[in-house]
All heavy atoms as atom14 arrays in JSON, in Angstrom:
{
  "sequence": "EVFIGSNASKIAKLWDNGHTDFVCGVTREDNPAAIMGNYSVEVDNIGS",
  "atom14_mask": [
    [1, 1, 1, 1, 1, 1, 1, 1, 1, 0, 0, 0, 0, 0],
    [1, 1, 1, 1, 1, 1, 1, 0, 0, 0, 0, 0, 0, 0],
    [1, 1, 1, 1, 1, 1, 1, 1, 1, 1, 1, 0, 0, 0],
    [1, 1, 1, 1, 1, 1, 1, 1, 0, 0, 0, 0, 0, 0],
    [1, 1, 1, 1, 0, 0, 0, 0, 0, 0, 0, 0, 0, 0],
    [1, 1, 1, 1, 1, 1, 0, 0, 0, 0, 0, 0, 0, 0],
    [1, 1, 1, 1, 1, 1, 1, 1, 0, 0, 0, 0, 0, 0],
    [1, 1, 1, 1, 1, 0, 0, 0, 0, 0, 0, 0, 0, 0],
    [1, 1, 1, 1, 1, 1, 0, 0, 0, 0, 0, 0, 0, 0],
    [1, 1, 1, 1, 1, 1, 1, 1, 1, 0, 0, 0, 0, 0],
    [1, 1, 1, 1, 1, 1, 1, 1, 0, 0, 0, 0, 0, 0],
    [1, 1, 1, 1, 1, 0, 0, 0, 0, 0, 0, 0, 0, 0],
    [1, 1, 1, 1, 1, 1, 1, 1, 1, 0, 0, 0, 0, 0],
    [1, 1, 1, 1, 1, 1, 1, 1, 0, 0, 0, 0, 0, 0],
    [1, 1, 1, 1, 1, 1, 1, 1, 1, 1, 1, 1, 1, 1],
    [1, 1, 1, 1, 1, 1, 1, 1, 0, 0, 0, 0, 0, 0],
    [1, 1, 1, 1, 1, 1, 1, 1, 0, 0, 0, 0, 0, 0],
    [1, 1, 1, 1, 0, 0, 0, 0, 0, 0, 0, 0, 0, 0],
    [1, 1, 1, 1, 1, 1, 1, 1, 1, 1, 0, 0, 0, 0],
    [1, 1, 1, 1, 1, 1, 1, 0, 0, 0, 0, 0, 0, 0],
    [1, 1, 1, 1, 1, 1, 1, 1, 0, 0, 0, 0, 0, 0],
    [1, 1, 1, 1, 1, 1, 1, 1, 1, 1, 1, 0, 0, 0],
    [1, 1, 1, 1, 1, 1, 1, 0, 0, 0, 0, 0, 0, 0],
    [1, 1, 1, 1, 1, 1, 0, 0, 0, 0, 0, 0, 0, 0],
    [1, 1, 1, 1, 0, 0, 0, 0, 0, 0, 0, 0, 0, 0],
    [1, 1, 1, 1, 1, 1, 1, 0, 0, 0, 0, 0, 0, 0],
    [1, 1, 1, 1, 1, 1, 1, 0, 0, 0, 0, 0, 0, 0],
    [1, 1, 1, 1, 1, 1, 1, 1, 1, 1, 1, 0, 0, 0],
    [1, 1, 1, 1, 1, 1, 1, 1, 1, 0, 0, 0, 0, 0],
    [1, 1, 1, 1, 1, 1, 1, 1, 0, 0, 0, 0, 0, 0],
    [1, 1, 1, 1, 1, 1, 1, 1, 0, 0, 0, 0, 0, 0],
    [1, 1, 1, 1, 1, 1, 1, 0, 0, 0, 0, 0, 0, 0],
    [1, 1, 1, 1, 1, 0, 0, 0, 0, 0, 0, 0, 0, 0],
    [1, 1, 1, 1, 1, 0, 0, 0, 0, 0, 0, 0, 0, 0],
    [1, 1, 1, 1, 1, 1, 1, 1, 0, 0, 0, 0, 0, 0],
    [1, 1, 1, 1, 1, 1, 1, 1, 0, 0, 0, 0, 0, 0],
    [1, 1, 1, 1, 0, 0, 0, 0, 0, 0, 0, 0, 0, 0],
    [1, 1, 1, 1, 1, 1, 1, 1, 0, 0, 0, 0, 0, 0],
    [1, 1, 1, 1, 1, 1, 1, 1, 1, 1, 1, 1, 0, 0],
    [1, 1, 1, 1, 1, 1, 0, 0, 0, 0, 0, 0, 0, 0],
    [1, 1, 1, 1, 1, 1, 1, 0, 0, 0, 0, 0, 0, 0],
    [1, 1, 1, 1, 1, 1, 1, 1, 1, 0, 0, 0, 0, 0],
    [1, 1, 1, 1, 1, 1, 1, 0, 0, 0, 0, 0, 0, 0],
    [1, 1, 1, 1, 1, 1, 1, 1, 0, 0, 0, 0, 0, 0],
    [1, 1, 1, 1, 1, 1, 1, 1, 0, 0, 0, 0, 0, 0],
    [1, 1, 1, 1, 1, 1, 1, 1, 0, 0, 0, 0, 0, 0],
    [1, 1, 1, 1, 0, 0, 0, 0, 0, 0, 0, 0, 0, 0],
    [1, 1, 1, 1, 1, 1, 0, 0, 0, 0, 0, 0, 0, 0]
  ],
  "atom14_positions": [
    [[70.31, -75.49, 27.05], [70.15, -76.87, 27.47], [69.64, -76.92, 28.9], [70.14, -76.2, 29.77], [71.46, -77.64, 27.39], [71.81, -78.15, 26.01], [73.04, -79.04, 26.03], [74.04, -78.66, 26.66], [73.01, -80.11, 25.42], [0.0, 0.0, 0.0], [0.0, 0.0, 0.0], [0.0, 0.0, 0.0], [0.0, 0.0, 0.0], [0.0, 0.0, 0.0]],
    [[68.68, -77.77, 29.14], [68.19, -78.01, 30.5], [68.45, -79.47, 30.84], [68.04, -80.37, 30.1], [66.68, -77.71, 30.61], [66.16, -78.09, 31.99], [66.41, -76.24, 30.34], [0.0, 0.0, 0.0], [0.0, 0.0, 0.0], [0.0, 0.0, 0.0], [0.0, 0.0, 0.0], [0.0, 0.0, 0.0], [0.0, 0.0, 0.0], [0.0, 0.0, 0.0]],
    [[69.15, -79.7, 31.94], [69.44, -81.06, 32.38], [68.55, -81.43, 33.56], [68.45, -80.67, 34.53], [70.91, -81.19, 32.79], [71.87, -81.09, 31.65], [72.63, -79.94, 31.47], [72.02, -82.11, 30.75], [73.52, -79.83, 30.41], [72.9, -82.02, 29.68], [73.65, -80.87, 29.52], [0.0, 0.0, 0.0], [0.0, 0.0, 0.0], [0.0, 0.0, 0.0]],
    [[67.92, -82.57, 33.46], [67.11, -83.09, 34.56], [67.95, -84.13, 35.29], [68.38, -85.12, 34.71], [65.81, -83.75, 34.03], [65.06, -82.8, 33.09], [64.95, -84.18, 35.2], [64.59, -81.52, 33.73], [0.0, 0.0, 0.0], [0.0, 0.0, 0.0], [0.0, 0.0, 0.0], [0.0, 0.0, 0.0], [0.0, 0.0, 0.0], [0.0, 0.0, 0.0]],
    [[68.18, -83.89, 36.57], [69.02, -84.8, 37.34], [70.48, -84.69, 36.93], [71.13, -85.69, 36.58], [0.0, 0.0, 0.0], [0.0, 0.0, 0.0], [0.0, 0.0, 0.0], [0.0, 0.0, 0.0], [0.0, 0.0, 0.0], [0.0, 0.0, 0.0], [0.0, 0.0, 0.0], [0.0, 0.0, 0.0], [0.0, 0.0, 0.0], [0.0, 0.0, 0.0]],
    [[71.02, -83.49, 36.99], [72.4, -83.24, 36.56], [73.41, -84.01, 37.41], [73.26, -84.15, 38.62], [72.71, -81.75, 36.66], [74.08, -81.49, 36.46], [0.0, 0.0, 0.0], [0.0, 0.0, 0.0], [0.0, 0.0, 0.0], [0.0, 0.0, 0.0], [0.0, 0.0, 0.0], [0.0, 0.0, 0.0], [0.0, 0.0, 0.0], [0.0, 0.0, 0.0]],
    [[74.46, -84.51, 36.74], [75.56, -85.21, 37.41], [76.82, -84.36, 37.47], [77.93, -84.89, 37.51], [75.87, -86.52, 36.67], [74.77, -87.55, 36.84], [74.14, -87.64, 37.88], [74.52, -88.32, 35.8], [0.0, 0.0, 0.0], [0.0, 0.0, 0.0], [0.0, 0.0, 0.0], [0.0, 0.0, 0.0], [0.0, 0.0, 0.0], [0.0, 0.0, 0.0]],
    [[76.67, -83.03, 37.45], [77.81, -82.13, 37.36], [78.86, -82.4, 38.45], [80.06, -82.47, 38.16], [77.34, -80.68, 37.42], [0.0, 0.0, 0.0], [0.0, 0.0, 0.0], [0.0, 0.0, 0.0], [0.0, 0.0, 0.0], [0.0, 0.0, 0.0], [0.0, 0.0, 0.0], [0.0, 0.0, 0.0], [0.0, 0.0, 0.0], [0.0, 0.0, 0.0]],
    [[78.42, -82.52, 39.68], [79.38, -82.7, 40.77], [80.13, -84.03, 40.64], [81.32, -84.12, 40.92], [78.68, -82.62, 42.12], [77.67, -83.61, 42.24], [0.0, 0.0, 0.0], [0.0, 0.0, 0.0], [0.0, 0.0, 0.0], [0.0, 0.0, 0.0], [0.0, 0.0, 0.0], [0.0, 0.0, 0.0], [0.0, 0.0, 0.0], [0.0, 0.0, 0.0]],
    [[79.43, -85.08, 40.18], [80.07, -86.39, 39.99], [81.1, -86.32, 38.86], [82.18, -86.9, 38.94], [79.03, -87.46, 39.68], [78.09, -87.77, 40.82], [77.08, -88.83, 40.42], [76.11, -89.13, 41.56], [75.11, -90.14, 41.16], [0.0, 0.0, 0.0], [0.0, 0.0, 0.0], [0.0, 0.0, 0.0], [0.0, 0.0, 0.0], [0.0, 0.0, 0.0]],
    [[80.74, -85.59, 37.8], [81.66, -85.46, 36.66], [82.89, -84.66, 37.07], [84.0, -84.93, 36.61], [80.94, -84.82, 35.47], [79.83, -85.75, 34.98], [81.92, -84.52, 34.33], [78.94, -85.17, 33.91], [0.0, 0.0, 0.0], [0.0, 0.0, 0.0], [0.0, 0.0, 0.0], [0.0, 0.0, 0.0], [0.0, 0.0, 0.0], [0.0, 0.0, 0.0]],
    [[82.71, -83.68, 37.95], [83.85, -82.9, 38.45], [84.85, -83.81, 39.16], [86.06, -83.67, 38.99], [83.36, -81.8, 39.39], [0.0, 0.0, 0.0], [0.0, 0.0, 0.0], [0.0, 0.0, 0.0], [0.0, 0.0, 0.0], [0.0, 0.0, 0.0], [0.0, 0.0, 0.0], [0.0, 0.0, 0.0], [0.0, 0.0, 0.0], [0.0, 0.0, 0.0]],
    [[84.33, -84.76, 39.94], [85.21, -85.7, 40.63], [85.92, -86.62, 39.64], [87.11, -86.93, 39.8], [84.41, -86.52, 41.64], [83.88, -85.7, 42.81], [83.06, -86.56, 43.76], [82.51, -85.72, 44.91], [81.66, -86.52, 45.83], [0.0, 0.0, 0.0], [0.0, 0.0, 0.0], [0.0, 0.0, 0.0], [0.0, 0.0, 0.0], [0.0, 0.0, 0.0]],
    [[85.19, -87.05, 38.6], [85.79, -87.87, 37.56], [86.94, -87.12, 36.89], [88.02, -87.67, 36.65], [84.73, -88.26, 36.52], [85.24, -88.89, 35.21], [85.79, -90.28, 35.49], [84.11, -88.97, 34.18], [0.0, 0.0, 0.0], [0.0, 0.0, 0.0], [0.0, 0.0, 0.0], [0.0, 0.0, 0.0], [0.0, 0.0, 0.0], [0.0, 0.0, 0.0]],
    [[86.7, -85.85, 36.59], [87.72, -85.04, 35.93], [88.96, -84.88, 36.81], [90.09, -84.91, 36.33], [87.15, -83.68, 35.58], [88.11, -82.8, 34.85], [88.8, -81.73, 35.36], [88.52, -82.92, 33.48], [89.6, -81.18, 34.39], [89.46, -81.89, 33.24], [88.2, -83.8, 32.45], [90.05, -81.71, 31.99], [88.79, -83.63, 31.21], [89.71, -82.6, 30.99]],
    [[88.74, -84.73, 38.1], [89.86, -84.55, 39.02], [90.78, -85.76, 39.07], [91.93, -85.65, 39.51], [89.34, -84.23, 40.43], [88.77, -82.82, 40.53], [89.11, -81.98, 39.67], [87.99, -82.56, 41.47], [0.0, 0.0, 0.0], [0.0, 0.0, 0.0], [0.0, 0.0, 0.0], [0.0, 0.0, 0.0], [0.0, 0.0, 0.0], [0.0, 0.0, 0.0]],
    [[90.3, -86.9, 38.61], [91.15, -88.1, 38.58], [92.27, -87.97, 37.56], [93.28, -88.66, 37.64], [90.32, -89.35, 38.27], [89.42, -89.74, 39.43], [89.71, -89.44, 40.58], [88.31, -90.41, 39.12], [0.0, 0.0, 0.0], [0.0, 0.0, 0.0], [0.0, 0.0, 0.0], [0.0, 0.0, 0.0], [0.0, 0.0, 0.0], [0.0, 0.0, 0.0]],
    [[92.06, -87.1, 36.57], [93.13, -86.77, 35.63], [93.5, -87.85, 34.65], [94.65, -87.91, 34.19], [0.0, 0.0, 0.0], [0.0, 0.0, 0.0], [0.0, 0.0, 0.0], [0.0, 0.0, 0.0], [0.0, 0.0, 0.0], [0.0, 0.0, 0.0], [0.0, 0.0, 0.0], [0.0, 0.0, 0.0], [0.0, 0.0, 0.0], [0.0, 0.0, 0.0]],
    [[92.57, -88.74, 34.28], [92.91, -89.84, 33.37], [92.49, -89.59, 31.93], [92.58, -90.48, 31.09], [92.25, -91.14, 33.87], [92.72, -91.56, 35.22], [94.05, -91.6, 35.58], [92.02, -91.95, 36.32], [94.17, -92.01, 36.83], [92.95, -92.23, 37.31], [0.0, 0.0, 0.0], [0.0, 0.0, 0.0], [0.0, 0.0, 0.0], [0.0, 0.0, 0.0]],
    [[92.02, -88.4, 31.63], [91.53, -88.12, 30.29], [91.82, -86.68, 29.9], [92.03, -85.82, 30.77], [90.01, -88.4, 30.22], [89.56, -88.3, 28.9], [89.23, -87.43, 31.1], [0.0, 0.0, 0.0], [0.0, 0.0, 0.0], [0.0, 0.0, 0.0], [0.0, 0.0, 0.0], [0.0, 0.0, 0.0], [0.0, 0.0, 0.0], [0.0, 0.0, 0.0]],
    [[91.85, -86.42, 28.59], [92.12, -85.06, 28.1], [90.84, -84.25, 27.89], [90.87, -83.03, 27.96], [92.89, -85.13, 26.77], [94.25, -85.78, 26.94], [95.06, -85.25, 27.72], [94.5, -86.82, 26.29], [0.0, 0.0, 0.0], [0.0, 0.0, 0.0], [0.0, 0.0, 0.0], [0.0, 0.0, 0.0], [0.0, 0.0, 0.0], [0.0, 0.0, 0.0]],
    [[89.74, -84.94, 27.61], [88.46, -84.25, 27.51], [87.33, -85.22, 27.79], [87.48, -86.43, 27.65], [88.29, -83.57, 26.14], [88.18, -84.48, 24.95], [86.94, -84.81, 24.4], [89.32, -85.02, 24.35], [86.84, -85.64, 23.3], [89.23, -85.85, 23.24], [87.98, -86.17, 22.72], [0.0, 0.0, 0.0], [0.0, 0.0, 0.0], [0.0, 0.0, 0.0]],
    [[86.21, -84.66, 28.22], [85.03, -85.46, 28.55], [83.86, -84.95, 27.74], [83.61, -83.74, 27.67], [84.71, -85.36, 30.06], [83.33, -85.97, 30.34], [85.77, -86.06, 30.89], [0.0, 0.0, 0.0], [0.0, 0.0, 0.0], [0.0, 0.0, 0.0], [0.0, 0.0, 0.0], [0.0, 0.0, 0.0], [0.0, 0.0, 0.0], [0.0, 0.0, 0.0]],
    [[83.14, -85.86, 27.13], [81.93, -85.55, 26.37], [80.72, -85.97, 27.2], [80.57, -87.15, 27.51], [81.96, -86.3, 25.04], [80.44, -86.21, 24.08], [0.0, 0.0, 0.0], [0.0, 0.0, 0.0], [0.0, 0.0, 0.0], [0.0, 0.0, 0.0], [0.0, 0.0, 0.0], [0.0, 0.0, 0.0], [0.0, 0.0, 0.0], [0.0, 0.0, 0.0]],
    [[79.89, -85.02, 27.57], [78.69, -85.33, 28.34], [77.61, -85.92, 27.44], [77.34, -85.4, 26.36], [0.0, 0.0, 0.0], [0.0, 0.0, 0.0], [0.0, 0.0, 0.0], [0.0, 0.0, 0.0], [0.0, 0.0, 0.0], [0.0, 0.0, 0.0], [0.0, 0.0, 0.0], [0.0, 0.0, 0.0], [0.0, 0.0, 0.0], [0.0, 0.0, 0.0]],
    [[77.01, -87.02, 27.88], [75.96, -87.68, 27.1], [74.77, -87.99, 28.0], [74.87, -87.95, 29.23], [76.48, -88.98, 26.46], [77.66, -88.73, 25.54], [76.85, -90.02, 27.53], [0.0, 0.0, 0.0], [0.0, 0.0, 0.0], [0.0, 0.0, 0.0], [0.0, 0.0, 0.0], [0.0, 0.0, 0.0], [0.0, 0.0, 0.0], [0.0, 0.0, 0.0]],
    [[73.66, -88.31, 27.38], [72.52, -88.88, 28.09], [72.11, -90.16, 27.37], [72.48, -90.38, 26.22], [71.31, -87.92, 28.12], [70.93, -87.59, 26.78], [71.66, -86.64, 28.88], [0.0, 0.0, 0.0], [0.0, 0.0, 0.0], [0.0, 0.0, 0.0], [0.0, 0.0, 0.0], [0.0, 0.0, 0.0], [0.0, 0.0, 0.0], [0.0, 0.0, 0.0]],
    [[71.37, -91.0, 28.06], [70.85, -92.21, 27.43], [69.47, -91.89, 26.85], [68.61, -91.37, 27.56], [70.79, -93.37, 28.43], [72.17, -93.77, 28.93], [72.17, -95.11, 29.61], [73.5, -95.47, 30.09], [74.46, -95.99, 29.33], [74.22, -96.23, 28.05], [75.64, -96.28, 29.84], [0.0, 0.0, 0.0], [0.0, 0.0, 0.0], [0.0, 0.0, 0.0]],
    [[69.31, -92.18, 25.58], [68.11, -91.79, 24.87], [67.52, -92.98, 24.13], [68.19, -93.62, 23.32], [68.44, -90.67, 23.87], [67.31, -90.2, 23.01], [66.14, -89.68, 23.81], [66.3, -88.69, 24.54], [65.06, -90.31, 23.7], [0.0, 0.0, 0.0], [0.0, 0.0, 0.0], [0.0, 0.0, 0.0], [0.0, 0.0, 0.0], [0.0, 0.0, 0.0]],
    [[66.25, -93.29, 24.43], [65.58, -94.43, 23.78], [65.07, -94.11, 22.39], [64.82, -95.01, 21.59], [64.41, -94.91, 24.65], [64.87, -95.48, 25.98], [66.0, -96.0, 26.03], [64.11, -95.38, 26.96], [0.0, 0.0, 0.0], [0.0, 0.0, 0.0], [0.0, 0.0, 0.0], [0.0, 0.0, 0.0], [0.0, 0.0, 0.0], [0.0, 0.0, 0.0]],
    [[64.92, -92.83, 22.09], [64.38, -92.41, 20.8], [65.51, -92.07, 19.83], [66.16, -91.04, 19.97], [63.47, -91.19, 21.0], [62.86, -90.7, 19.69], [62.98, -91.36, 18.65], [62.23, -89.54, 19.74], [0.0, 0.0, 0.0], [0.0, 0.0, 0.0], [0.0, 0.0, 0.0], [0.0, 0.0, 0.0], [0.0, 0.0, 0.0], [0.0, 0.0, 0.0]],
    [[65.76, -92.92, 18.83], [66.86, -92.65, 17.89], [66.74, -91.3, 17.19], [67.75, -90.67, 16.89], [66.74, -93.81, 16.89], [66.07, -94.9, 17.64], [65.09, -94.2, 18.54], [0.0, 0.0, 0.0], [0.0, 0.0, 0.0], [0.0, 0.0, 0.0], [0.0, 0.0, 0.0], [0.0, 0.0, 0.0], [0.0, 0.0, 0.0], [0.0, 0.0, 0.0]],
    [[65.5, -90.84, 16.95], [65.31, -89.56, 16.27], [65.89, -88.41, 17.07], [66.39, -87.43, 16.49], [63.82, -89.33, 16.01], [0.0, 0.0, 0.0], [0.0, 0.0, 0.0], [0.0, 0.0, 0.0], [0.0, 0.0, 0.0], [0.0, 0.0, 0.0], [0.0, 0.0, 0.0], [0.0, 0.0, 0.0], [0.0, 0.0, 0.0], [0.0, 0.0, 0.0]],
    [[65.84, -88.52, 18.39], [66.41, -87.47, 19.23], [67.93, -87.41, 19.08], [68.52, -86.33, 19.09], [66.04, -87.71, 20.69], [0.0, 0.0, 0.0], [0.0, 0.0, 0.0], [0.0, 0.0, 0.0], [0.0, 0.0, 0.0], [0.0, 0.0, 0.0], [0.0, 0.0, 0.0], [0.0, 0.0, 0.0], [0.0, 0.0, 0.0], [0.0, 0.0, 0.0]],
    [[68.56, -88.57, 18.93], [70.01, -88.61, 18.71], [70.34, -88.08, 17.33], [71.3, -87.32, 17.15], [70.53, -90.06, 18.88], [70.21, -90.58, 20.29], [72.04, -90.11, 18.61], [70.56, -92.03, 20.5], [0.0, 0.0, 0.0], [0.0, 0.0, 0.0], [0.0, 0.0, 0.0], [0.0, 0.0, 0.0], [0.0, 0.0, 0.0], [0.0, 0.0, 0.0]],
    [[69.52, -88.44, 16.35], [69.75, -87.97, 14.98], [69.65, -86.45, 14.87], [70.27, -85.84, 14.01], [68.74, -88.62, 14.03], [68.94, -90.11, 13.83], [67.64, -90.83, 12.79], [68.14, -92.55, 12.76], [0.0, 0.0, 0.0], [0.0, 0.0, 0.0], [0.0, 0.0, 0.0], [0.0, 0.0, 0.0], [0.0, 0.0, 0.0], [0.0, 0.0, 0.0]],
    [[68.89, -85.85, 15.75], [68.76, -84.4, 15.75], [69.87, -83.7, 16.48], [69.97, -82.46, 16.44], [0.0, 0.0, 0.0], [0.0, 0.0, 0.0], [0.0, 0.0, 0.0], [0.0, 0.0, 0.0], [0.0, 0.0, 0.0], [0.0, 0.0, 0.0], [0.0, 0.0, 0.0], [0.0, 0.0, 0.0], [0.0, 0.0, 0.0], [0.0, 0.0, 0.0]],
    [[70.73, -84.46, 17.14], [71.83, -83.88, 17.9], [73.14, -84.47, 17.41], [73.58, -84.19, 16.31], [71.6, -84.12, 19.39], [72.29, -83.1, 20.26], [72.3, -81.92, 19.93], [72.85, -83.54, 21.37], [0.0, 0.0, 0.0], [0.0, 0.0, 0.0], [0.0, 0.0, 0.0], [0.0, 0.0, 0.0], [0.0, 0.0, 0.0], [0.0, 0.0, 0.0]],
    [[73.81, -85.3, 18.2], [74.96, -86.03, 17.68], [75.15, -87.34, 18.43], [74.71, -87.48, 19.57], [76.24, -85.18, 17.7], [76.87, -84.88, 19.04], [77.84, -85.73, 19.6], [76.56, -83.71, 19.73], [78.45, -85.43, 20.81], [77.17, -83.4, 20.93], [78.11, -84.25, 21.47], [78.72, -83.95, 22.67], [0.0, 0.0, 0.0], [0.0, 0.0, 0.0]],
    [[75.74, -88.29, 17.76], [75.97, -89.61, 18.33], [77.44, -89.76, 18.72], [78.3, -89.03, 18.22], [75.59, -90.71, 17.33], [76.42, -90.63, 16.19], [0.0, 0.0, 0.0], [0.0, 0.0, 0.0], [0.0, 0.0, 0.0], [0.0, 0.0, 0.0], [0.0, 0.0, 0.0], [0.0, 0.0, 0.0], [0.0, 0.0, 0.0], [0.0, 0.0, 0.0]],
    [[77.71, -90.72, 19.6], [79.09, -91.0, 20.0], [79.34, -92.5, 19.92], [78.44, -93.31, 20.15], [79.39, -90.49, 21.42], [79.21, -88.98, 21.52], [78.53, -91.18, 22.47], [0.0, 0.0, 0.0], [0.0, 0.0, 0.0], [0.0, 0.0, 0.0], [0.0, 0.0, 0.0], [0.0, 0.0, 0.0], [0.0, 0.0, 0.0], [0.0, 0.0, 0.0]],
    [[80.55, -92.84, 19.6], [80.99, -94.24, 19.58], [82.12, -94.38, 20.59], [83.05, -93.54, 20.63], [81.48, -94.64, 18.19], [80.42, -94.56, 17.1], [79.33, -95.6, 17.26], [79.6, -96.65, 17.9], [78.22, -95.38, 16.75], [0.0, 0.0, 0.0], [0.0, 0.0, 0.0], [0.0, 0.0, 0.0], [0.0, 0.0, 0.0], [0.0, 0.0, 0.0]],
    [[82.04, -95.42, 21.42], [83.06, -95.63, 22.45], [83.58, -97.06, 22.38], [82.93, -97.95, 21.83], [82.51, -95.35, 23.86], [82.12, -93.88, 24.01], [81.31, -96.25, 24.16], [0.0, 0.0, 0.0], [0.0, 0.0, 0.0], [0.0, 0.0, 0.0], [0.0, 0.0, 0.0], [0.0, 0.0, 0.0], [0.0, 0.0, 0.0], [0.0, 0.0, 0.0]],
    [[84.75, -97.27, 22.96], [85.28, -98.63, 23.02], [84.8, -99.3, 24.3], [83.98, -98.74, 25.04], [86.81, -98.64, 22.9], [87.5, -97.9, 24.04], [86.87, -97.68, 25.1], [88.69, -97.56, 23.88], [0.0, 0.0, 0.0], [0.0, 0.0, 0.0], [0.0, 0.0, 0.0], [0.0, 0.0, 0.0], [0.0, 0.0, 0.0], [0.0, 0.0, 0.0]],
    [[85.33, -100.49, 24.61], [84.81, -101.25, 25.74], [85.24, -100.72, 27.1], [84.78, -101.22, 28.13], [85.2, -102.74, 25.62], [86.71, -102.93, 25.53], [87.49, -101.99, 25.65], [87.12, -104.17, 25.33], [0.0, 0.0, 0.0], [0.0, 0.0, 0.0], [0.0, 0.0, 0.0], [0.0, 0.0, 0.0], [0.0, 0.0, 0.0], [0.0, 0.0, 0.0]],
    [[86.09, -99.71, 27.15], [86.45, -99.1, 28.43], [85.93, -97.66, 28.52], [86.29, -96.91, 29.43], [87.97, -99.13, 28.68], [88.73, -98.35, 27.59], [88.48, -100.55, 28.78], [90.22, -98.17, 27.93], [0.0, 0.0, 0.0], [0.0, 0.0, 0.0], [0.0, 0.0, 0.0], [0.0, 0.0, 0.0], [0.0, 0.0, 0.0], [0.0, 0.0, 0.0]],
    [[85.07, -97.28, 27.58], [84.43, -95.98, 27.65], [85.2, -94.84, 27.01], [84.83, -93.67, 27.17], [0.0, 0.0, 0.0], [0.0, 0.0, 0.0], [0.0, 0.0, 0.0], [0.0, 0.0, 0.0], [0.0, 0.0, 0.0], [0.0, 0.0, 0.0], [0.0, 0.0, 0.0], [0.0, 0.0, 0.0], [0.0, 0.0, 0.0], [0.0, 0.0, 0.0]],
    [[86.27, -95.16, 26.3], [87.02, -94.11, 25.61], [86.3, -93.72, 24.33], [85.77, -94.58, 23.62], [88.44, -94.59, 25.28], [89.18, -94.8, 26.46], [0.0, 0.0, 0.0], [0.0, 0.0, 0.0], [0.0, 0.0, 0.0], [0.0, 0.0, 0.0], [0.0, 0.0, 0.0], [0.0, 0.0, 0.0], [0.0, 0.0, 0.0], [0.0, 0.0, 0.0]]
  ]
}
């Protein structure tokens, strides 16, 4: 995987807050076919 504009350091700070058991990294993708070739996620209104 190659990430363009990685948010690794920001995610590390999010993790240090300790409010979650696991984090799933995602990107925003305008092409549905790209999501279909990988995996989709469903979240609630607070991002869980």
